[in-house]
């Protein structure tokens, strides 16, 4: 059995919030239902848990990696091909600092892009149910799970006041 989903469409924000409470009370886990809306509502409007992200870690790790690569690249190059000029030290810090700075910035930027993709859960392999009326102002409550749970999910959404309920595997 594959992953299936059901979407219930609401026009009222309070009805959608009540539906989220009813879905949670019906025993569905937090990761098995979500709200889809084309309108930017504040986090927690529908009673869903605020997402916890750790995006700040990615630029820090990238900056440290970039700094280390810049340090190893410059020091390794100067030690591998020693050019002694007038008794000056072999490792010249000012030119090394420029390369290490650039490596730090490049690492932070690349890891930030990777972190955004990772924290956004992209690519999303199972899209679930969707209805084009969401872009017209409707609020969708999507419940995902096994196929045998979908009849119960439909009844929970209808009992909560959904105007329409659609399954993901039905033809559009």
C-alpha atoms as a PDB file:
ATOM      1  CA  UNK A   1       0.000   0.000   0.000  1.00  0.00           C
ATOM      2  CA  UNK A   2       1.312   3.392  -0.933  1.00  0.00           C
ATOM      3  CA  UNK A   3       0.926   6.777   0.630  1.00  0.00           C
ATOM      4  CA  UNK A   4      -2.479   8.351  -0.084  1.00  0.00           C
ATOM      5  CA  UNK A   5      -3.938  11.696   0.910  1.00  0.00           C
ATOM      6  CA  UNK A   6      -7.250  13.486   1.242  1.00  0.00           C
ATOM      7  CA  UNK A   7      -7.833  17.237   1.046  1.00  0.00           C
ATOM      8  CA  UNK A   8     -10.759  19.086   2.564  1.00  0.00           C
ATOM      9  CA  UNK A   9     -11.518  22.612   1.310  1.00  0.00           C
ATOM     10  CA  UNK A  10     -12.685  25.371   3.643  1.00  0.00           C
ATOM     11  CA  UNK A  11     -13.525  29.037   3.044  1.00  0.00           C
ATOM     12  CA  UNK A  12     -13.533  30.085   6.695  1.00  0.00           C
ATOM     13  CA  UNK A  13     -10.331  30.339   8.734  1.00  0.00           C
ATOM     14  CA  UNK A  14     -12.081  29.304  11.950  1.00  0.00           C
ATOM     15  CA  UNK A  15     -13.582  26.227  10.295  1.00  0.00           C
ATOM     16  CA  UNK A  16     -10.144  25.213   9.023  1.00  0.00           C
ATOM     17  CA  UNK A  17      -8.651  25.699  12.514  1.00  0.00           C
ATOM     18  CA  UNK A  18     -11.462  23.589  14.000  1.00  0.00           C
ATOM     19  CA  UNK A  19     -10.774  20.929  11.378  1.00  0.00           C
ATOM     20  CA  UNK A  20      -7.110  20.861  12.377  1.00  0.00           C
ATOM     21  CA  UNK A  21      -8.167  20.308  16.001  1.00  0.00           C
ATOM     22  CA  UNK A  22     -10.561  17.541  14.918  1.00  0.00           C
ATOM     23  CA  UNK A  23      -7.848  15.841  12.855  1.00  0.00           C
ATOM     24  CA  UNK A  24      -5.464  15.923  15.826  1.00  0.00           C
ATOM     25  CA  UNK A  25      -8.214  14.588  18.093  1.00  0.00           C
ATOM     26  CA  UNK A  26      -8.899  11.763  15.600  1.00  0.00           C
ATOM     27  CA  UNK A  27      -5.416  10.441  16.321  1.00  0.00           C
ATOM     28  CA  UNK A  28      -3.419  11.562  13.284  1.00  0.00           C
ATOM     29  CA  UNK A  29       0.226  12.366  13.968  1.00  0.00           C
ATOM     30  CA  UNK A  30       1.515  15.933  13.514  1.00  0.00           C
ATOM     31  CA  UNK A  31       3.442  14.977  10.359  1.00  0.00           C
ATOM     32  CA  UNK A  32       0.402  13.388   8.685  1.00  0.00           C
ATOM     33  CA  UNK A  33      -1.640  16.546   8.149  1.00  0.00           C
ATOM     34  CA  UNK A  34      -0.955  20.079   6.986  1.00  0.00           C
ATOM     35  CA  UNK A  35      -2.653  23.270   5.831  1.00  0.00           C
ATOM     36  CA  UNK A  36      -2.419  24.547   2.262  1.00  0.00           C
ATOM     37  CA  UNK A  37      -3.388  28.129   1.566  1.00  0.00           C
ATOM     38  CA  UNK A  38      -2.590  30.809  -0.983  1.00  0.00           C
ATOM     39  CA  UNK A  39      -3.001  33.539   1.634  1.00  0.00           C
ATOM     40  CA  UNK A  40      -0.089  34.311   3.962  1.00  0.00           C
ATOM     41  CA  UNK A  41      -1.480  33.582   7.426  1.00  0.00           C
ATOM     42  CA  UNK A  42       0.795  33.929  10.481  1.00  0.00           C
ATOM     43  CA  UNK A  43       2.435  30.783  11.836  1.00  0.00           C
ATOM     44  CA  UNK A  44       0.138  28.923  14.209  1.00  0.00           C
ATOM     45  CA  UNK A  45      -3.124  30.435  12.896  1.00  0.00           C
ATOM     46  CA  UNK A  46      -4.610  27.010  12.346  1.00  0.00           C
ATOM     47  CA  UNK A  47      -3.191  25.483  15.495  1.00  0.00           C
ATOM     48  CA  UNK A  48      -0.334  23.716  13.745  1.00  0.00           C
ATOM     49  CA  UNK A  49       3.028  23.453  15.446  1.00  0.00           C
ATOM     50  CA  UNK A  50       5.584  26.034  14.426  1.00  0.00           C
ATOM     51  CA  UNK A  51       8.303  24.460  12.324  1.00  0.00           C
ATOM     52  CA  UNK A  52      11.685  24.129  13.989  1.00  0.00           C
ATOM     53  CA  UNK A  53      14.547  24.823  11.641  1.00  0.00           C
ATOM     54  CA  UNK A  54      18.269  24.703  12.043  1.00  0.00           C
ATOM     55  CA  UNK A  55      19.205  26.799   9.023  1.00  0.00           C
ATOM     56  CA  UNK A  56      21.714  28.862  11.008  1.00  0.00           C
ATOM     57  CA  UNK A  57      24.007  25.833  11.309  1.00  0.00           C
ATOM     58  CA  UNK A  58      24.617  25.511   7.567  1.00  0.00           C
ATOM     59  CA  UNK A  59      26.407  28.862   6.998  1.00  0.00           C
ATOM     60  CA  UNK A  60      28.542  28.335  10.099  1.00  0.00           C
ATOM     61  CA  UNK A  61      29.668  24.894   8.987  1.00  0.00           C
ATOM     62  CA  UNK A  62      30.237  26.188   5.450  1.00  0.00           C
ATOM     63  CA  UNK A  63      32.292  29.122   6.694  1.00  0.00           C
ATOM     64  CA  UNK A  64      34.517  26.862   8.790  1.00  0.00           C
ATOM     65  CA  UNK A  65      34.981  24.441   5.877  1.00  0.00           C
ATOM     66  CA  UNK A  66      35.774  27.297   3.471  1.00  0.00           C
ATOM     67  CA  UNK A  67      38.271  28.805   5.911  1.00  0.00           C
ATOM     68  CA  UNK A  68      40.053  25.479   6.365  1.00  0.00           C
ATOM     69  CA  UNK A  69      40.176  24.833   2.619  1.00  0.00           C
ATOM     70  CA  UNK A  70      41.537  28.356   2.017  1.00  0.00           C
ATOM     71  CA  UNK A  71      44.164  27.893   4.714  1.00  0.00           C
ATOM     72  CA  UNK A  72      45.250  24.491   3.415  1.00  0.00           C
ATOM     73  CA  UNK A  73      45.290  25.710  -0.188  1.00  0.00           C
ATOM     74  CA  UNK A  74      47.443  28.772   0.472  1.00  0.00           C
ATOM     75  CA  UNK A  75      49.773  27.188   3.023  1.00  0.00           C
ATOM     76  CA  UNK A  76      50.086  23.998   1.003  1.00  0.00           C
ATOM     77  CA  UNK A  77      50.914  25.893  -2.171  1.00  0.00           C
ATOM     78  CA  UNK A  78      53.564  28.043  -0.484  1.00  0.00           C
ATOM     79  CA  UNK A  79      55.147  25.026   1.218  1.00  0.00           C
ATOM     80  CA  UNK A  80      55.009  22.799  -1.881  1.00  0.00           C
ATOM     81  CA  UNK A  81      56.686  25.417  -4.106  1.00  0.00           C
ATOM     82  CA  UNK A  82      58.937  27.436  -1.771  1.00  0.00           C
ATOM     83  CA  UNK A  83      60.039  30.781  -3.197  1.00  0.00           C
ATOM     84  CA  UNK A  84      62.455  32.354  -0.745  1.00  0.00           C
ATOM     85  CA  UNK A  85      62.636  36.046  -1.576  1.00  0.00           C
ATOM     86  CA  UNK A  86      65.191  38.196   0.216  1.00  0.00           C
ATOM     87  CA  UNK A  87      65.008  36.306   3.508  1.00  0.00           C
ATOM     88  CA  UNK A  88      61.248  36.902   3.972  1.00  0.00           C
ATOM     89  CA  UNK A  89      59.179  34.213   5.705  1.00  0.00           C
ATOM     90  CA  UNK A  90      57.907  31.391   3.532  1.00  0.00           C
ATOM     91  CA  UNK A  91      54.251  31.771   4.605  1.00  0.00           C
ATOM     92  CA  UNK A  92      53.016  35.267   3.853  1.00  0.00           C
ATOM     93  CA  UNK A  93      49.964  36.058   5.976  1.00  0.00           C
ATOM     94  CA  UNK A  94      48.365  39.049   4.104  1.00  0.00           C
ATOM     95  CA  UNK A  95      47.878  37.229   0.770  1.00  0.00           C
ATOM     96  CA  UNK A  96      46.760  34.119   2.666  1.00  0.00           C
ATOM     97  CA  UNK A  97      44.131  36.168   4.537  1.00  0.00           C
ATOM     98  CA  UNK A  98      42.510  37.279   1.278  1.00  0.00           C
ATOM     99  CA  UNK A  99      42.171  33.711  -0.031  1.00  0.00           C
ATOM    100  CA  UNK A 100      40.955  32.445   3.367  1.00  0.00           C
ATOM    101  CA  UNK A 101      38.333  35.231   3.494  1.00  0.00           C
ATOM    102  CA  UNK A 102      37.097  34.401   0.005  1.00  0.00           C
ATOM    103  CA  UNK A 103      36.994  30.689   0.868  1.00  0.00           C
ATOM    104  CA  UNK A 104      35.051  31.454   4.029  1.00  0.00           C
ATOM    105  CA  UNK A 105      32.438  33.478   2.135  1.00  0.00           C
ATOM    106  CA  UNK A 106      32.146  30.930  -0.669  1.00  0.00           C
ATOM    107  CA  UNK A 107      31.692  28.071   1.797  1.00  0.00           C
ATOM    108  CA  UNK A 108      29.073  29.987   3.789  1.00  0.00           C
ATOM    109  CA  UNK A 109      27.096  30.897   0.660  1.00  0.00           C
ATOM    110  CA  UNK A 110      27.170  27.415  -0.856  1.00  0.00           C
ATOM    111  CA  UNK A 111      26.207  25.732   2.412  1.00  0.00           C
ATOM    112  CA  UNK A 112      23.405  28.284   2.916  1.00  0.00           C
ATOM    113  CA  UNK A 113      21.903  27.421  -0.473  1.00  0.00           C
ATOM    114  CA  UNK A 114      22.195  23.726   0.353  1.00  0.00           C
ATOM    115  CA  UNK A 115      20.648  24.377   3.793  1.00  0.00           C
ATOM    116  CA  UNK A 116      17.672  26.219   2.306  1.00  0.00           C
ATOM    117  CA  UNK A 117      17.004  23.330  -0.064  1.00  0.00           C
ATOM    118  CA  UNK A 118      17.395  20.809   2.761  1.00  0.00           C
ATOM    119  CA  UNK A 119      15.245  22.705   5.294  1.00  0.00           C
ATOM    120  CA  UNK A 120      12.532  23.269   2.674  1.00  0.00           C
ATOM    121  CA  UNK A 121      12.315  19.493   2.257  1.00  0.00           C
ATOM    122  CA  UNK A 122      13.027  19.696  -1.444  1.00  0.00           C
ATOM    123  CA  UNK A 123      12.554  17.750  -3.597  1.00  0.00           C
ATOM    124  CA  UNK A 124       9.247  16.608  -2.199  1.00  0.00           C
ATOM    125  CA  UNK A 125       8.679  13.075  -3.405  1.00  0.00           C
ATOM    126  CA  UNK A 126       5.023  12.684  -2.361  1.00  0.00           C
ATOM    127  CA  UNK A 127       3.044  15.813  -3.154  1.00  0.00           C
ATOM    128  CA  UNK A 128      -0.294  14.629  -1.818  1.00  0.00           C
ATOM    129  CA  UNK A 129      -3.711  15.990  -2.683  1.00  0.00           C
ATOM    130  CA  UNK A 130      -4.104  19.458  -4.146  1.00  0.00           C
ATOM    131  CA  UNK A 131      -6.946  21.530  -5.542  1.00  0.00           C
ATOM    132  CA  UNK A 132      -6.568  24.624  -7.770  1.00  0.00           C
ATOM    133  CA  UNK A 133      -9.224  26.449  -5.706  1.00  0.00           C
ATOM    134  CA  UNK A 134      -6.574  26.948  -3.007  1.00  0.00           C
ATOM    135  CA  UNK A 135      -5.077  29.717  -5.159  1.00  0.00           C
ATOM    136  CA  UNK A 136      -8.518  31.333  -5.307  1.00  0.00           C
ATOM    137  CA  UNK A 137      -8.771  31.750  -1.532  1.00  0.00           C
ATOM    138  CA  UNK A 138      -9.853  28.363  -0.209  1.00  0.00           C
ATOM    139  CA  UNK A 139      -7.978  26.735   2.661  1.00  0.00           C
ATOM    140  CA  UNK A 140      -7.007  23.096   2.237  1.00  0.00           C
ATOM    141  CA  UNK A 141      -6.456  20.635   5.065  1.00  0.00           C
ATOM    142  CA  UNK A 142      -4.490  17.640   3.763  1.00  0.00           C
ATOM    143  CA  UNK A 143      -4.349  14.338   5.629  1.00  0.00           C
ATOM    144  CA  UNK A 144      -1.824  11.742   4.433  1.00  0.00           C
ATOM    145  CA  UNK A 145      -1.493   8.125   5.399  1.00  0.00           C
ATOM    146  CA  UNK A 146      -2.291   4.567   4.439  1.00  0.00           C
ATOM    147  CA  UNK A 147      -5.219   3.846   2.121  1.00  0.00           C
ATOM    148  CA  UNK A 148      -7.289   2.188   4.857  1.00  0.00           C
ATOM    149  CA  UNK A 149      -7.185   5.420   6.930  1.00  0.00           C
ATOM    150  CA  UNK A 150      -8.605   7.616   4.165  1.00  0.00           C
ATOM    151  CA  UNK A 151     -12.283   6.796   4.788  1.00  0.00           C
ATOM    152  CA  UNK A 152     -11.894   7.955   8.393  1.00  0.00           C
ATOM    153  CA  UNK A 153     -10.015  11.051   7.196  1.00  0.00           C
ATOM    154  CA  UNK A 154     -12.827  11.940   4.787  1.00  0.00           C
ATOM    155  CA  UNK A 155     -15.437  11.627   7.525  1.00  0.00           C
ATOM    156  CA  UNK A 156     -13.366  13.790   9.908  1.00  0.00           C
ATOM    157  CA  UNK A 157     -13.079  16.527   7.263  1.00  0.00           C
ATOM    158  CA  UNK A 158     -16.783  16.388   6.330  1.00  0.00           C
ATOM    159  CA  UNK A 159     -17.788  16.474  10.011  1.00  0.00           C
ATOM    160  CA  UNK A 160     -15.570  19.541  10.483  1.00  0.00           C
ATOM    161  CA  UNK A 161     -17.469  21.470   7.819  1.00  0.00           C
ATOM    162  CA  UNK A 162     -15.429  20.939   4.666  1.00  0.00           C
ATOM    163  CA  UNK A 163     -17.177  22.185   1.546  1.00  0.00           C
ATOM    164  CA  UNK A 164     -15.496  19.579  -0.639  1.00  0.00           C
ATOM    165  CA  UNK A 165     -13.228  16.583  -0.038  1.00  0.00           C
ATOM    166  CA  UNK A 166     -10.926  15.141  -2.689  1.00  0.00           C
ATOM    167  CA  UNK A 167      -8.666  12.088  -2.710  1.00  0.00           C
ATOM    168  CA  UNK A 168      -5.198  12.236  -4.222  1.00  0.00           C
ATOM    169  CA  UNK A 169      -5.582   9.163  -6.414  1.00  0.00           C
ATOM    170  CA  UNK A 170      -8.890  10.280  -7.992  1.00  0.00           C
ATOM    171  CA  UNK A 171      -8.753  11.867 -11.423  1.00  0.00           C
ATOM    172  CA  UNK A 172      -8.857  15.626 -11.386  1.00  0.00           C
END
